[in-house]
Amino acid sequence: PPASAPDVIAALVAKGHDLFEQGEREAALSAWTKAAALDPRNAKIHNNRAAALFELGRRQEAIEACSEALRVQPGYAIAHMTRGEIYAAMGNRDAVMREYTALNAIDEALAQHLIELVRGLKDQPE
């Protein structure tokens, strides 16, 4: 019998994870983009895409993918964390603080992790 849509989506997500772990960011992004097209209301898939886009240096697209994750699942803490990390890498302190504030209302421990990450970036030599 043909695979059901949930099976296809799960296989694409798993393939994306495997590829990402192997350092194959473009291929992982491709798998997750196909999965997102089949399951556009899945915030986790959008956040996975954001991680791959960020690793590929496509920061604005990564932010947009995080925003899409938050549009379909408001309050998705991991997407706030990812978006905060991207803003931190871009040096956008105000945006990081907005993510921290939103995240702190949802998951204080994750919010603390974001602040520690930002502090760690400050300590890095340019």
Protein backbone atom coordinates (compact mmCIF):
# COMPACT_ATOMS: atom_id res chain seq x y z
CA PRO A 1 0.00 0.00 0.00
CA PRO A 2 1.16 3.58 -0.61
CA ALA A 3 2.63 5.38 2.37
CA SER A 4 0.27 7.68 4.21
CA ALA A 5 1.01 11.40 4.44
CA PRO A 6 1.98 11.16 8.16
CA ASP A 7 4.44 8.37 7.29
CA VAL A 8 5.95 10.42 4.45
CA ILE A 9 6.22 13.49 6.70
CA ALA A 10 7.82 11.46 9.52
CA ALA A 11 10.30 9.92 7.06
CA LEU A 12 11.24 13.35 5.67
CA VAL A 13 11.70 14.77 9.17
CA ALA A 14 13.87 11.81 10.20
CA LYS A 15 15.88 12.06 6.98
CA GLY A 16 16.39 15.79 7.65
CA HIS A 17 17.68 15.05 11.15
CA ASP A 18 20.11 12.41 9.85
CA LEU A 19 21.39 14.71 7.11
CA PHE A 20 21.72 17.65 9.52
CA GLU A 21 23.73 15.51 11.95
CA GLN A 22 26.01 14.50 9.06
CA GLY A 23 26.62 18.17 8.24
CA GLU A 24 24.50 18.02 5.06
CA ARG A 25 22.66 21.28 5.76
CA GLU A 26 21.29 21.90 2.24
CA ALA A 27 19.97 18.34 1.97
CA ALA A 28 18.44 18.55 5.46
CA LEU A 29 16.80 21.86 4.54
CA SER A 30 15.40 20.25 1.39
CA ALA A 31 13.90 17.33 3.34
CA TRP A 32 12.40 19.63 5.96
CA THR A 33 11.05 22.02 3.31
CA LYS A 34 9.24 19.09 1.63
CA ALA A 35 7.89 18.04 5.04
CA ALA A 36 6.73 21.61 5.77
CA ALA A 37 4.90 21.71 2.43
CA LEU A 38 3.02 18.53 3.42
CA ASP A 39 2.43 19.64 7.03
CA PRO A 40 2.47 23.46 7.07
CA ARG A 41 0.96 23.63 10.57
CA ASN A 42 3.88 21.74 12.16
CA ALA A 43 5.87 24.32 14.12
CA LYS A 44 8.71 21.89 14.84
CA ILE A 45 9.38 21.37 11.13
CA HIS A 46 9.51 25.14 10.57
CA ASN A 47 11.95 25.45 13.48
CA ASN A 48 14.10 22.66 11.99
CA ARG A 49 14.17 24.60 8.72
CA ALA A 50 15.24 27.70 10.68
CA ALA A 51 18.17 25.81 12.20
CA ALA A 52 19.34 24.61 8.78
CA LEU A 53 18.92 28.06 7.22
CA PHE A 54 20.88 29.61 10.08
CA GLU A 55 23.71 27.10 9.66
CA LEU A 56 23.76 27.97 5.95
CA GLY A 57 24.18 31.67 6.79
CA ARG A 58 20.69 32.53 5.54
CA ARG A 59 19.77 34.43 8.68
CA GLN A 60 16.78 36.44 7.45
CA GLU A 61 15.15 33.31 6.02
CA ALA A 62 15.89 31.54 9.32
CA ILE A 63 14.11 34.30 11.24
CA GLU A 64 11.15 34.00 8.86
CA ALA A 65 11.00 30.22 9.45
CA CYS A 66 10.98 30.82 13.24
CA SER A 67 8.25 33.40 12.80
CA GLU A 68 6.21 30.88 10.79
CA ALA A 69 6.67 28.30 13.57
CA LEU A 70 5.37 30.87 16.07
CA ARG A 71 2.51 31.85 13.75
CA VAL A 72 1.24 28.25 13.61
CA GLN A 73 2.03 27.53 17.29
CA PRO A 74 2.12 30.71 19.39
CA GLY A 75 4.14 30.17 22.52
CA TYR A 76 6.44 27.54 20.99
CA ALA A 77 9.42 28.10 23.28
CA ILE A 78 12.02 26.42 21.08
CA ALA A 79 11.21 28.77 18.17
CA HIS A 80 11.71 31.78 20.46
CA MET A 81 15.03 30.26 21.53
CA THR A 82 16.14 29.64 17.94
CA ARG A 83 15.12 33.13 16.86
CA GLY A 84 16.92 34.58 19.88
CA GLU A 85 20.10 32.69 18.93
CA ILE A 86 19.89 34.02 15.37
CA TYR A 87 19.38 37.58 16.57
CA ALA A 88 22.31 37.15 18.97
CA ALA A 89 24.53 36.00 16.11
CA MET A 90 23.42 39.09 14.18
CA GLY A 91 24.27 41.32 17.15
CA ASN A 92 20.66 42.54 17.45
CA ARG A 93 20.45 42.98 21.23
CA ASP A 94 16.97 44.54 21.24
CA ALA A 95 15.52 41.62 19.29
CA VAL A 96 17.29 39.14 21.58
CA MET A 97 15.73 40.85 24.59
CA ARG A 98 12.27 40.65 22.97
CA GLU A 99 12.78 36.91 22.48
CA TYR A 100 14.07 36.57 26.04
CA THR A 101 11.01 38.36 27.42
CA ALA A 102 8.61 36.19 25.39
CA LEU A 103 10.54 33.04 26.29
CA ASN A 104 10.73 33.91 29.99
CA ALA A 105 6.92 33.95 30.15
CA ILE A 106 6.82 30.41 28.69
CA ASP A 107 9.96 28.64 29.91
CA GLU A 108 12.19 30.39 32.44
CA ALA A 109 14.98 27.79 32.20
CA LEU A 110 15.21 28.15 28.42
CA ALA A 111 15.13 31.93 28.76
CA GLN A 112 18.05 31.71 31.17
CA HIS A 113 19.91 29.54 28.65
CA LEU A 114 19.37 32.21 25.97
CA ILE A 115 20.82 34.92 28.22
CA GLU A 116 23.82 32.72 29.07
CA LEU A 117 24.36 32.12 25.36
CA VAL A 118 24.30 35.86 24.69
CA ARG A 119 26.71 36.47 27.56
CA GLY A 120 28.99 33.81 26.09
CA LEU A 121 28.96 35.59 22.74
CA LYS A 122 30.02 38.82 24.41
CA ASP A 123 33.03 37.05 25.89
CA GLN A 124 34.19 35.78 22.48
CA PRO A 125 36.98 37.69 20.72
CA GLU A 126 35.84 39.39 17.52
